[in-house]
Amino acid sequence: MPKTANSLRDEDVRKLVTARLSVLSEDTIISVGSEGSFSRDELIKHVQTGDKVGSKIAEIEMEWLRSFKQN
């Protein structure tokens, strides 16, 4: 399937979200609802493995980025 501007592959999304998370301070803690609280590095690991927490963070980050396109 060819990539378009509107459809990023999972790998591309993980790379983008990982890059965004990596600029956060090392002592940043983010709460992910009932899943718990995670450090920046823990979130990066979750995103890289593509588990439930990582997928949720990727979804949140992509929605945030899309919001700029709509404005």
C-alpha atoms as a PDB file:
ATOM      1  CA  MET A   1       0.000   0.000   0.000  1.00  0.00           C
ATOM      2  CA  PRO A   2       1.543   3.361  -1.003  1.00  0.00           C
ATOM      3  CA  LYS A   3       2.010   6.004   1.666  1.00  0.00           C
ATOM      4  CA  THR A   4       0.084   9.221   1.304  1.00  0.00           C
ATOM      5  CA  ALA A   5       0.039  12.352   3.407  1.00  0.00           C
ATOM      6  CA  ASN A   6      -3.198  11.115   4.984  1.00  0.00           C
ATOM      7  CA  SER A   7      -2.134   7.564   5.825  1.00  0.00           C
ATOM      8  CA  LEU A   8       1.030   7.045   7.782  1.00  0.00           C
ATOM      9  CA  ARG A   9       2.223   3.531   8.480  1.00  0.00           C
ATOM     10  CA  ASP A  10       2.381   2.374  12.098  1.00  0.00           C
ATOM     11  CA  GLU A  11       6.172   2.474  11.951  1.00  0.00           C
ATOM     12  CA  ASP A  12       6.123   6.094  10.769  1.00  0.00           C
ATOM     13  CA  VAL A  13       3.678   7.075  13.510  1.00  0.00           C
ATOM     14  CA  ARG A  14       5.825   5.370  16.168  1.00  0.00           C
ATOM     15  CA  LYS A  15       8.925   7.212  14.912  1.00  0.00           C
ATOM     16  CA  LEU A  16       7.122  10.556  14.931  1.00  0.00           C
ATOM     17  CA  VAL A  17       5.648  10.065  18.404  1.00  0.00           C
ATOM     18  CA  THR A  18       8.957   8.782  19.768  1.00  0.00           C
ATOM     19  CA  ALA A  19      10.693  11.893  18.428  1.00  0.00           C
ATOM     20  CA  ARG A  20       8.088  14.145  20.052  1.00  0.00           C
ATOM     21  CA  LEU A  21       8.368  12.340  23.392  1.00  0.00           C
ATOM     22  CA  SER A  22      12.164  12.437  23.333  1.00  0.00           C
ATOM     23  CA  VAL A  23      12.193  16.247  23.578  1.00  0.00           C
ATOM     24  CA  LEU A  24      10.320  16.167  26.881  1.00  0.00           C
ATOM     25  CA  SER A  25      12.266  16.598  30.099  1.00  0.00           C
ATOM     26  CA  GLU A  26      13.587  13.316  31.546  1.00  0.00           C
ATOM     27  CA  ASP A  27      11.607  13.879  34.736  1.00  0.00           C
ATOM     28  CA  THR A  28       8.270  14.296  32.936  1.00  0.00           C
ATOM     29  CA  ILE A  29       5.511  12.008  34.204  1.00  0.00           C
ATOM     30  CA  ILE A  30       2.331  11.541  32.154  1.00  0.00           C
ATOM     31  CA  SER A  31      -0.827   9.878  33.416  1.00  0.00           C
ATOM     32  CA  VAL A  32      -2.618   7.624  30.938  1.00  0.00           C
ATOM     33  CA  GLY A  33      -6.042   7.206  32.487  1.00  0.00           C
ATOM     34  CA  SER A  34      -6.505   3.939  34.353  1.00  0.00           C
ATOM     35  CA  GLU A  35      -3.258   2.542  32.888  1.00  0.00           C
ATOM     36  CA  GLY A  36      -1.149   4.539  35.357  1.00  0.00           C
ATOM     37  CA  SER A  37       1.575   7.161  35.249  1.00  0.00           C
ATOM     38  CA  PHE A  38       4.676   6.791  33.101  1.00  0.00           C
ATOM     39  CA  SER A  39       8.012   8.520  32.693  1.00  0.00           C
ATOM     40  CA  ARG A  40       9.134   9.847  29.335  1.00  0.00           C
ATOM     41  CA  ASP A  41      11.406   6.847  28.776  1.00  0.00           C
ATOM     42  CA  GLU A  42       8.691   4.362  29.760  1.00  0.00           C
ATOM     43  CA  LEU A  43       6.304   5.988  27.284  1.00  0.00           C
ATOM     44  CA  ILE A  44       8.904   5.799  24.518  1.00  0.00           C
ATOM     45  CA  LYS A  45       9.321   2.061  25.193  1.00  0.00           C
ATOM     46  CA  HIS A  46       5.558   1.534  25.109  1.00  0.00           C
ATOM     47  CA  VAL A  47       5.268   3.417  21.813  1.00  0.00           C
ATOM     48  CA  GLN A  48       8.144   1.442  20.287  1.00  0.00           C
ATOM     49  CA  THR A  49       6.566  -1.892  21.250  1.00  0.00           C
ATOM     50  CA  GLY A  50       3.134  -0.763  20.083  1.00  0.00           C
ATOM     51  CA  ASP A  51       1.295  -2.078  23.143  1.00  0.00           C
ATOM     52  CA  LYS A  52      -1.959  -0.701  24.572  1.00  0.00           C
ATOM     53  CA  VAL A  53      -0.337   2.251  26.357  1.00  0.00           C
ATOM     54  CA  GLY A  54       1.890   3.039  23.374  1.00  0.00           C
ATOM     55  CA  SER A  55      -1.046   2.940  20.984  1.00  0.00           C
ATOM     56  CA  LYS A  56      -3.034   5.307  23.205  1.00  0.00           C
ATOM     57  CA  ILE A  57      -0.140   7.784  23.424  1.00  0.00           C
ATOM     58  CA  ALA A  58       0.324   7.607  19.632  1.00  0.00           C
ATOM     59  CA  GLU A  59      -3.390   8.260  19.134  1.00  0.00           C
ATOM     60  CA  ILE A  60      -3.305  11.272  21.473  1.00  0.00           C
ATOM     61  CA  GLU A  61      -0.196  12.727  19.831  1.00  0.00           C
ATOM     62  CA  MET A  62      -1.594  12.282  16.313  1.00  0.00           C
ATOM     63  CA  GLU A  63      -4.860  13.986  17.291  1.00  0.00           C
ATOM     64  CA  TRP A  64      -2.852  16.874  18.736  1.00  0.00           C
ATOM     65  CA  LEU A  65      -0.874  17.213  15.496  1.00  0.00           C
ATOM     66  CA  ARG A  66      -4.047  16.999  13.378  1.00  0.00           C
ATOM     67  CA  SER A  67      -5.557  19.837  15.380  1.00  0.00           C
ATOM     68  CA  PHE A  68      -2.946  22.190  13.883  1.00  0.00           C
ATOM     69  CA  LYS A  69      -3.977  21.221  10.382  1.00  0.00           C
ATOM     70  CA  GLN A  70      -7.595  22.109  11.121  1.00  0.00           C
ATOM     71  CA  ASN A  71      -6.791  25.607  12.413  1.00  0.00           C
END
